[in-house]
Amino acid sequence: MTVIQWTNRASKQIRAVDSRYLDRMFEKIEALQNFPNVQADIIELKGEQNKGKFRMRVGFYRVIFEVINNEPIIIEIQEIKKRDEQTYRNH
């Protein structure tokens, strides 16, 4: 079983997502229930401070999430940002 949690920041950021991407984004986030067996563009973030953190590409947007626990799997959606030069600045 996988539990998906949202940070307050991610909950606020999802409101700014272009409506053309919302359905697709929620489908991809829901698909994380099957992590790590997910058909999505997911890459683990580099760096010591990013252990356990991943990014998932959904169109021009990036969903930053962290796998907090392995049994049960807890995935925390941390940020949802439009891809630009600032996207990975704090990660």
PDB file of N, CA and C in Angstrom:
ATOM      1  N   MET A   1       0.839  -1.186   0.000  1.00  0.00           N
ATOM      2  CA  MET A   1       0.000   0.000   0.000  1.00  0.00           C
ATOM      3  C   MET A   1       0.885   1.250   0.000  1.00  0.00           C
ATOM      4  N   THR A   2       0.470   2.225  -0.756  1.00  0.00           N
ATOM      5  CA  THR A   2       1.208   3.484  -0.845  1.00  0.00           C
ATOM      6  C   THR A   2       0.319   4.628  -0.391  1.00  0.00           C
ATOM      7  N   VAL A   3       0.878   5.490   0.441  1.00  0.00           N
ATOM      8  CA  VAL A   3       0.163   6.672   0.925  1.00  0.00           C
ATOM      9  C   VAL A   3       0.787   7.894   0.264  1.00  0.00           C
ATOM     10  N   ILE A   4      -0.044   8.751  -0.309  1.00  0.00           N
ATOM     11  CA  ILE A   4       0.448   9.986  -0.919  1.00  0.00           C
ATOM     12  C   ILE A   4       0.001  11.157  -0.063  1.00  0.00           C
ATOM     13  N   GLN A   5       0.986  11.935   0.397  1.00  0.00           N
ATOM     14  CA  GLN A   5       0.716  13.124   1.206  1.00  0.00           C
ATOM     15  C   GLN A   5       1.138  14.356   0.419  1.00  0.00           C
ATOM     16  N   TRP A   6       0.514  15.485   0.728  1.00  0.00           N
ATOM     17  CA  TRP A   6       0.835  16.756   0.072  1.00  0.00           C
ATOM     18  C   TRP A   6       1.323  17.745   1.118  1.00  0.00           C
ATOM     19  N   THR A   7       2.392  18.485   0.804  1.00  0.00           N
ATOM     20  CA  THR A   7       2.793  19.585   1.675  1.00  0.00           C
ATOM     21  C   THR A   7       1.857  20.760   1.403  1.00  0.00           C
ATOM     22  N   ASN A   8       1.817  21.698   2.330  1.00  0.00           N
ATOM     23  CA  ASN A   8       1.001  22.901   2.121  1.00  0.00           C
ATOM     24  C   ASN A   8       1.466  23.651   0.880  1.00  0.00           C
ATOM     25  N   ARG A   9       2.769  23.707   0.686  1.00  0.00           N
ATOM     26  CA  ARG A   9       3.339  24.409  -0.472  1.00  0.00           C
ATOM     27  C   ARG A   9       2.828  23.796  -1.776  1.00  0.00           C
ATOM     28  N   ALA A  10       2.884  22.474  -1.886  1.00  0.00           N
ATOM     29  CA  ALA A  10       2.434  21.803  -3.111  1.00  0.00           C
ATOM     30  C   ALA A  10       0.933  21.996  -3.319  1.00  0.00           C
ATOM     31  N   SER A  11       0.169  21.972  -2.231  1.00  0.00           N
ATOM     32  CA  SER A  11      -1.281  22.187  -2.334  1.00  0.00           C
ATOM     33  C   SER A  11      -1.599  23.568  -2.891  1.00  0.00           C
ATOM     34  N   LYS A  12      -0.815  24.551  -2.510  1.00  0.00           N
ATOM     35  CA  LYS A  12      -1.016  25.908  -3.032  1.00  0.00           C
ATOM     36  C   LYS A  12      -0.538  26.013  -4.475  1.00  0.00           C
ATOM     37  N   GLN A  13       0.586  25.379  -4.781  1.00  0.00           N
ATOM     38  CA  GLN A  13       1.159  25.481  -6.118  1.00  0.00           C
ATOM     39  C   GLN A  13       0.293  24.813  -7.180  1.00  0.00           C
ATOM     40  N   ILE A  14      -0.437  23.774  -6.811  1.00  0.00           N
ATOM     41  CA  ILE A  14      -1.272  23.082  -7.797  1.00  0.00           C
ATOM     42  C   ILE A  14      -2.362  24.008  -8.335  1.00  0.00           C
ATOM     43  N   ARG A  15      -2.747  24.992  -7.551  1.00  0.00           N
ATOM     44  CA  ARG A  15      -3.778  25.944  -7.991  1.00  0.00           C
ATOM     45  C   ARG A  15      -3.290  26.832  -9.133  1.00  0.00           C
ATOM     46  N   ALA A  16      -1.979  26.990  -9.262  1.00  0.00           N
ATOM     47  CA  ALA A  16      -1.411  27.844 -10.308  1.00  0.00           C
ATOM     48  C   ALA A  16      -1.125  27.079 -11.600  1.00  0.00           C
ATOM     49  N   VAL A  17      -1.353  25.773 -11.593  1.00  0.00           N
ATOM     50  CA  VAL A  17      -1.066  24.958 -12.775  1.00  0.00           C
ATOM     51  C   VAL A  17      -2.092  25.244 -13.863  1.00  0.00           C
ATOM     52  N   ASP A  18      -1.598  25.378 -15.091  1.00  0.00           N
ATOM     53  CA  ASP A  18      -2.452  25.592 -16.257  1.00  0.00           C
ATOM     54  C   ASP A  18      -3.492  24.471 -16.323  1.00  0.00           C
ATOM     55  N   SER A  19      -4.745  24.828 -16.503  1.00  0.00           N
ATOM     56  CA  SER A  19      -5.842  23.857 -16.477  1.00  0.00           C
ATOM     57  C   SER A  19      -5.679  22.761 -17.532  1.00  0.00           C
ATOM     58  N   ARG A  20      -4.943  23.033 -18.596  1.00  0.00           N
ATOM     59  CA  ARG A  20      -4.718  22.015 -19.628  1.00  0.00           C
ATOM     60  C   ARG A  20      -3.911  20.836 -19.096  1.00  0.00           C
ATOM     61  N   TYR A  21      -3.155  21.043 -18.023  1.00  0.00           N
ATOM     62  CA  TYR A  21      -2.288  19.998 -17.482  1.00  0.00           C
ATOM     63  C   TYR A  21      -2.850  19.335 -16.223  1.00  0.00           C
ATOM     64  N   LEU A  22      -3.888  19.895 -15.639  1.00  0.00           N
ATOM     65  CA  LEU A  22      -4.363  19.401 -14.341  1.00  0.00           C
ATOM     66  C   LEU A  22      -4.786  17.938 -14.365  1.00  0.00           C
ATOM     67  N   ASP A  23      -5.637  17.549 -15.321  1.00  0.00           N
ATOM     68  CA  ASP A  23      -6.095  16.159 -15.361  1.00  0.00           C
ATOM     69  C   ASP A  23      -4.923  15.200 -15.510  1.00  0.00           C
ATOM     70  N   ARG A  24      -4.027  15.528 -16.420  1.00  0.00           N
ATOM     71  CA  ARG A  24      -2.861  14.681 -16.646  1.00  0.00           C
ATOM     72  C   ARG A  24      -1.979  14.615 -15.403  1.00  0.00           C
ATOM     73  N   MET A  25      -1.831  15.755 -14.718  1.00  0.00           N
ATOM     74  CA  MET A  25      -0.996  15.795 -13.526  1.00  0.00           C
ATOM     75  C   MET A  25      -1.588  14.922 -12.417  1.00  0.00           C
ATOM     76  N   PHE A  26      -2.899  15.032 -12.204  1.00  0.00           N
ATOM     77  CA  PHE A  26      -3.526  14.205 -11.167  1.00  0.00           C
ATOM     78  C   PHE A  26      -3.447  12.720 -11.524  1.00  0.00           C
ATOM     79  N   GLU A  27      -3.551  12.382 -12.812  1.00  0.00           N
ATOM     80  CA  GLU A  27      -3.408  10.983 -13.233  1.00  0.00           C
ATOM     81  C   GLU A  27      -2.014  10.464 -12.900  1.00  0.00           C
ATOM     82  N   LYS A  28      -0.995  11.275 -13.203  1.00  0.00           N
ATOM     83  CA  LYS A  28       0.389  10.859 -12.938  1.00  0.00           C
ATOM     84  C   LYS A  28       0.656  10.738 -11.440  1.00  0.00           C
ATOM     85  N   ILE A  29       0.136  11.683 -10.663  1.00  0.00           N
ATOM     86  CA  ILE A  29       0.335  11.624  -9.210  1.00  0.00           C
ATOM     87  C   ILE A  29      -0.384  10.410  -8.635  1.00  0.00           C
ATOM     88  N   GLU A  30      -1.581  10.127  -9.133  1.00  0.00           N
ATOM     89  CA  GLU A  30      -2.318   8.948  -8.679  1.00  0.00           C
ATOM     90  C   GLU A  30      -1.568   7.667  -9.054  1.00  0.00           C
ATOM     91  N   ALA A  31      -0.889   7.682 -10.200  1.00  0.00           N
ATOM     92  CA  ALA A  31      -0.116   6.516 -10.635  1.00  0.00           C
ATOM     93  C   ALA A  31       1.047   6.221  -9.694  1.00  0.00           C
ATOM     94  N   LEU A  32       1.456   7.207  -8.893  1.00  0.00           N
ATOM     95  CA  LEU A  32       2.530   6.978  -7.923  1.00  0.00           C
ATOM     96  C   LEU A  32       2.141   5.929  -6.884  1.00  0.00           C
ATOM     97  N   GLN A  33       0.862   5.569  -6.828  1.00  0.00           N
ATOM     98  CA  GLN A  33       0.423   4.484  -5.934  1.00  0.00           C
ATOM     99  C   GLN A  33       1.199   3.200  -6.235  1.00  0.00           C
ATOM    100  N   ASN A  34       1.670   3.056  -7.479  1.00  0.00           N
ATOM    101  CA  ASN A  34       2.397   1.853  -7.897  1.00  0.00           C
ATOM    102  C   ASN A  34       3.913   2.039  -7.886  1.00  0.00           C
ATOM    103  N   PHE A  35       4.393   3.099  -7.231  1.00  0.00           N
ATOM    104  CA  PHE A  35       5.828   3.385  -7.197  1.00  0.00           C
ATOM    105  C   PHE A  35       6.580   2.203  -6.614  1.00  0.00           C
ATOM    106  N   PRO A  36       7.683   1.763  -7.172  1.00  0.00           N
ATOM    107  CA  PRO A  36       8.483   2.339  -8.249  1.00  0.00           C
ATOM    108  C   PRO A  36       8.099   1.858  -9.646  1.00  0.00           C
ATOM    109  N   ASN A  37       7.044   1.058  -9.778  1.00  0.00           N
ATOM    110  CA  ASN A  37       6.624   0.541 -11.086  1.00  0.00           C
ATOM    111  C   ASN A  37       5.639   1.491 -11.750  1.00  0.00           C
ATOM    112  N   VAL A  38       6.110   2.671 -12.111  1.00  0.00           N
ATOM    113  CA  VAL A  38       5.248   3.717 -12.675  1.00  0.00           C
ATOM    114  C   VAL A  38       5.710   4.030 -14.093  1.00  0.00           C
ATOM    115  N   GLN A  39       4.756   4.125 -15.007  1.00  0.00           N
ATOM    116  CA  GLN A  39       5.063   4.531 -16.379  1.00  0.00           C
ATOM    117  C   GLN A  39       5.036   6.053 -16.436  1.00  0.00           C
ATOM    118  N   ALA A  40       6.142   6.680 -16.085  1.00  0.00           N
ATOM    119  CA  ALA A  40       6.229   8.145 -16.075  1.00  0.00           C
ATOM    120  C   ALA A  40       7.695   8.540 -16.191  1.00  0.00           C
ATOM    121  N   ASP A  41       7.917   9.793 -16.529  1.00  0.00           N
ATOM    122  CA  ASP A  41       9.272  10.340 -16.632  1.00  0.00           C
ATOM    123  C   ASP A  41       9.706  10.774 -15.233  1.00  0.00           C
ATOM    124  N   ILE A  42      10.312   9.835 -14.499  1.00  0.00           N
ATOM    125  CA  ILE A  42      10.732  10.083 -13.118  1.00  0.00           C
ATOM    126  C   ILE A  42      12.242   9.897 -13.023  1.00  0.00           C
ATOM    127  N   ILE A  43      12.900  10.864 -12.394  1.00  0.00           N
ATOM    128  CA  ILE A  43      14.350  10.800 -12.198  1.00  0.00           C
ATOM    129  C   ILE A  43      14.654  11.163 -10.747  1.00  0.00           C
ATOM    130  N   GLU A  44      15.578  10.404 -10.138  1.00  0.00           N
ATOM    131  CA  GLU A  44      16.013  10.733  -8.777  1.00  0.00           C
ATOM    132  C   GLU A  44      16.890  11.977  -8.835  1.00  0.00           C
ATOM    133  N   LEU A  45      16.655  12.912  -7.910  1.00  0.00           N
ATOM    134  CA  LEU A  45      17.447  14.138  -7.861  1.00  0.00           C
ATOM    135  C   LEU A  45      18.841  13.831  -7.329  1.00  0.00           C
ATOM    136  N   LYS A  46      19.815  14.576  -7.801  1.00  0.00           N
ATOM    137  CA  LYS A  46      21.207  14.367  -7.406  1.00  0.00           C
ATOM    138  C   LYS A  46      21.550  15.194  -6.174  1.00  0.00           C
ATOM    139  N   GLY A  47      22.601  14.778  -5.483  1.00  0.00           N
ATOM    140  CA  GLY A  47      23.086  15.535  -4.336  1.00  0.00           C
ATOM    141  C   GLY A  47      22.739  14.870  -3.023  1.00  0.00           C
ATOM    142  N   GLU A  48      23.599  15.076  -2.047  1.00  0.00           N
ATOM    143  CA  GLU A  48      23.418  14.474  -0.721  1.00  0.00           C
ATOM    144  C   GLU A  48      22.127  14.935  -0.052  1.00  0.00           C
ATOM    145  N   GLN A  49      21.780  16.216  -0.195  1.00  0.00           N
ATOM    146  CA  GLN A  49      20.580  16.749   0.450  1.00  0.00           C
ATOM    147  C   GLN A  49      19.296  16.264  -0.228  1.00  0.00           C
ATOM    148  N   ASN A  50      19.419  15.588  -1.369  1.00  0.00           N
ATOM    149  CA  ASN A  50      18.244  15.138  -2.114  1.00  0.00           C
ATOM    150  C   ASN A  50      18.029  13.633  -2.057  1.00  0.00           C
ATOM    151  N   LYS A  51      18.621  12.968  -1.091  1.00  0.00           N
ATOM    152  CA  LYS A  51      18.434  11.525  -0.971  1.00  0.00           C
ATOM    153  C   LYS A  51      16.950  11.202  -0.823  1.00  0.00           C
ATOM    154  N   GLY A  52      16.471  10.305  -1.656  1.00  0.00           N
ATOM    155  CA  GLY A  52      15.073   9.895  -1.595  1.00  0.00           C
ATOM    156  C   GLY A  52      14.116  10.827  -2.312  1.00  0.00           C
ATOM    157  N   LYS A  53      14.645  11.885  -2.947  1.00  0.00           N
ATOM    158  CA  LYS A  53      13.785  12.835  -3.657  1.00  0.00           C
ATOM    159  C   LYS A  53      13.828  12.565  -5.158  1.00  0.00           C
ATOM    160  N   PHE A  54      12.682  12.748  -5.779  1.00  0.00           N
ATOM    161  CA  PHE A  54      12.537  12.496  -7.203  1.00  0.00           C
ATOM    162  C   PHE A  54      11.803  13.655  -7.851  1.00  0.00           C
ATOM    163  N   ARG A  55      11.916  13.726  -9.182  1.00  0.00           N
ATOM    164  CA  ARG A  55      11.108  14.670  -9.923  1.00  0.00           C
ATOM    165  C   ARG A  55      10.371  13.885 -10.996  1.00  0.00           C
ATOM    166  N   MET A  56       9.131  14.269 -11.203  1.00  0.00           N
ATOM    167  CA  MET A  56       8.316  13.658 -12.242  1.00  0.00           C
ATOM    168  C   MET A  56       7.928  14.750 -13.222  1.00  0.00           C
ATOM    169  N   ARG A  57       8.155  14.505 -14.487  1.00  0.00           N
ATOM    170  CA  ARG A  57       7.848  15.483 -15.525  1.00  0.00           C
ATOM    171  C   ARG A  57       6.418  15.274 -16.007  1.00  0.00           C
ATOM    172  N   VAL A  58       5.649  16.380 -16.015  1.00  0.00           N
ATOM    173  CA  VAL A  58       4.290  16.381 -16.558  1.00  0.00           C
ATOM    174  C   VAL A  58       4.188  17.615 -17.445  1.00  0.00           C
ATOM    175  N   GLY A  59       4.416  17.451 -18.740  1.00  0.00           N
ATOM    176  CA  GLY A  59       4.418  18.596 -19.648  1.00  0.00           C
ATOM    177  C   GLY A  59       5.528  19.565 -19.276  1.00  0.00           C
ATOM    178  N   PHE A  60       5.164  20.846 -19.131  1.00  0.00           N
ATOM    179  CA  PHE A  60       6.140  21.871 -18.750  1.00  0.00           C
ATOM    180  C   PHE A  60       6.353  21.926 -17.241  1.00  0.00           C
ATOM    181  N   TYR A  61       5.653  21.096 -16.488  1.00  0.00           N
ATOM    182  CA  TYR A  61       5.703  21.141 -15.026  1.00  0.00           C
ATOM    183  C   TYR A  61       6.538  20.000 -14.468  1.00  0.00           C
ATOM    184  N   ARG A  62       7.052  20.225 -13.258  1.00  0.00           N
ATOM    185  CA  ARG A  62       7.800  19.210 -12.533  1.00  0.00           C
ATOM    186  C   ARG A  62       7.149  19.023 -11.168  1.00  0.00           C
ATOM    187  N   VAL A  63       6.926  17.771 -10.815  1.00  0.00           N
ATOM    188  CA  VAL A  63       6.398  17.418  -9.497  1.00  0.00           C
ATOM    189  C   VAL A  63       7.579  16.875  -8.706  1.00  0.00           C
ATOM    190  N   ILE A  64       7.936  17.559  -7.636  1.00  0.00           N
ATOM    191  CA  ILE A  64       9.038  17.131  -6.774  1.00  0.00           C
ATOM    192  C   ILE A  64       8.416  16.349  -5.616  1.00  0.00           C
ATOM    193  N   PHE A  65       8.884  15.101  -5.433  1.00  0.00           N
ATOM    194  CA  PHE A  65       8.338  14.301  -4.336  1.00  0.00           C
ATOM    195  C   PHE A  65       9.447  13.523  -3.654  1.00  0.00           C
ATOM    196  N   GLU A  66       9.145  13.089  -2.443  1.00  0.00           N
ATOM    197  CA  GLU A  66      10.112  12.349  -1.634  1.00  0.00           C
ATOM    198  C   GLU A  66       9.475  11.059  -1.157  1.00  0.00           C
ATOM    199  N   VAL A  67      10.246   9.980  -1.225  1.00  0.00           N
ATOM    200  CA  VAL A  67       9.806   8.705  -0.672  1.00  0.00           C
ATOM    201  C   VAL A  67      10.304   8.683   0.766  1.00  0.00           C
ATOM    202  N   ILE A  68       9.361   8.757   1.710  1.00  0.00           N
ATOM    203  CA  ILE A  68       9.715   8.911   3.120  1.00  0.00           C
ATOM    204  C   ILE A  68       9.903   7.573   3.819  1.00  0.00           C
ATOM    205  N   ASN A  69       9.133   6.588   3.443  1.00  0.00           N
ATOM    206  CA  ASN A  69       9.143   5.321   4.149  1.00  0.00           C
ATOM    207  C   ASN A  69       9.002   4.201   3.127  1.00  0.00           C
ATOM    208  N   ASN A  70       9.466   3.009   3.467  1.00  0.00           N
ATOM    209  CA  ASN A  70       9.353   1.895   2.528  1.00  0.00           C
ATOM    210  C   ASN A  70       8.242   0.917   2.856  1.00  0.00           C
ATOM    211  N   GLU A  71       7.803   0.836   4.092  1.00  0.00           N
ATOM    212  CA  GLU A  71       6.763  -0.130   4.448  1.00  0.00           C
ATOM    213  C   GLU A  71       5.824   0.445   5.475  1.00  0.00           C
ATOM    214  N   PRO A  72       4.682   0.961   5.184  1.00  0.00           N
ATOM    215  CA  PRO A  72       4.156   1.165   3.830  1.00  0.00           C
ATOM    216  C   PRO A  72       4.899   2.313   3.152  1.00  0.00           C
ATOM    217  N   ILE A  73       4.834   2.364   1.841  1.00  0.00           N
ATOM    218  CA  ILE A  73       5.489   3.445   1.106  1.00  0.00           C
ATOM    219  C   ILE A  73       4.709   4.732   1.340  1.00  0.00           C
ATOM    220  N   ILE A  74       5.414   5.766   1.786  1.00  0.00           N
ATOM    221  CA  ILE A  74       4.803   7.090   1.962  1.00  0.00           C
ATOM    222  C   ILE A  74       5.501   8.033   0.999  1.00  0.00           C
ATOM    223  N   ILE A  75       4.727   8.631   0.116  1.00  0.00           N
ATOM    224  CA  ILE A  75       5.257   9.584  -0.855  1.00  0.00           C
ATOM    225  C   ILE A  75       4.704  10.949  -0.507  1.00  0.00           C
ATOM    226  N   GLU A  76       5.594  11.914  -0.337  1.00  0.00           N
ATOM    227  CA  GLU A  76       5.182  13.278  -0.013  1.00  0.00           C
ATOM    228  C   GLU A  76       5.408  14.162  -1.232  1.00  0.00           C
ATOM    229  N   ILE A  77       4.326  14.718  -1.778  1.00  0.00           N
ATOM    230  CA  ILE A  77       4.414  15.665  -2.881  1.00  0.00           C
ATOM    231  C   ILE A  77       4.859  16.984  -2.264  1.00  0.00           C
ATOM    232  N   GLN A  78       6.066  17.453  -2.620  1.00  0.00           N
ATOM    233  CA  GLN A  78       6.635  18.631  -1.973  1.00  0.00           C
ATOM    234  C   GLN A  78       6.434  19.911  -2.760  1.00  0.00           C
ATOM    235  N   GLU A  79       6.588  19.851  -4.083  1.00  0.00           N
ATOM    236  CA  GLU A  79       6.453  21.066  -4.892  1.00  0.00           C
ATOM    237  C   GLU A  79       5.954  20.719  -6.282  1.00  0.00           C
ATOM    238  N   ILE A  80       5.257  21.671  -6.882  1.00  0.00           N
ATOM    239  CA  ILE A  80       4.830  21.575  -8.271  1.00  0.00           C
ATOM    240  C   ILE A  80       5.209  22.893  -8.915  1.00  0.00           C
ATOM    241  N   LYS A  81       6.139  22.826  -9.866  1.00  0.00           N
ATOM    242  CA  LYS A  81       6.660  24.056 -10.461  1.00  0.00           C
ATOM    243  C   LYS A  81       6.701  23.945 -11.972  1.00  0.00           C
ATOM    244  N   LYS A  82       6.541  25.082 -12.620  1.00  0.00           N
ATOM    245  CA  LYS A  82       6.757  25.141 -14.059  1.00  0.00           C
ATOM    246  C   LYS A  82       8.261  25.105 -14.297  1.00  0.00           C
ATOM    247  N   ARG A  83       8.687  24.339 -15.283  1.00  0.00           N
ATOM    248  CA  ARG A  83      10.117  24.155 -15.540  1.00  0.00           C
ATOM    249  C   ARG A  83      10.747  25.443 -16.052  1.00  0.00           C
ATOM    250  N   ASP A  84      11.731  25.949 -15.311  1.00  0.00           N
ATOM    251  CA  ASP A  84      12.546  27.089 -15.726  1.00  0.00           C
ATOM    252  C   ASP A  84      13.885  26.997 -14.998  1.00  0.00           C
ATOM    253  N   GLU A  85      14.700  28.026 -15.096  1.00  0.00           N
ATOM    254  CA  GLU A  85      16.037  27.969 -14.490  1.00  0.00           C
ATOM    255  C   GLU A  85      16.001  27.939 -12.962  1.00  0.00           C
ATOM    256  N   GLN A  86      14.877  28.263 -12.338  1.00  0.00           N
ATOM    257  CA  GLN A  86      14.761  28.278 -10.878  1.00  0.00           C
ATOM    258  C   GLN A  86      14.181  26.979 -10.302  1.00  0.00           C
ATOM    259  N   THR A  87      13.707  26.083 -11.133  1.00  0.00           N
ATOM    260  CA  THR A  87      12.975  24.910 -10.674  1.00  0.00           C
ATOM    261  C   THR A  87      13.741  24.084  -9.652  1.00  0.00           C
ATOM    262  N   TYR A  88      15.006  23.804  -9.909  1.00  0.00           N
ATOM    263  CA  TYR A  88      15.772  22.918  -9.035  1.00  0.00           C
ATOM    264  C   TYR A  88      16.722  23.674  -8.121  1.00  0.00           C
ATOM    265  N   ARG A  89      16.572  24.970  -8.031  1.00  0.00           N
ATOM    266  CA  ARG A  89      17.497  25.818  -7.276  1.00  0.00           C
ATOM    267  C   ARG A  89      17.612  25.379  -5.817  1.00  0.00           C
ATOM    268  N   ASN A  90      16.520  25.036  -5.157  1.00  0.00           N
ATOM    269  CA  ASN A  90      16.546  24.686  -3.730  1.00  0.00           C
ATOM    270  C   ASN A  90      16.586  23.184  -3.491  1.00  0.00           C
ATOM    271  N   HIS A  91      16.845  22.411  -4.538  1.00  0.00           N
ATOM    272  CA  HIS A  91      16.856  20.949  -4.374  1.00  0.00           C
ATOM    273  C   HIS A  91      18.175  20.372  -4.772  1.00  0.00           C
TER     274      HIS A  91
END
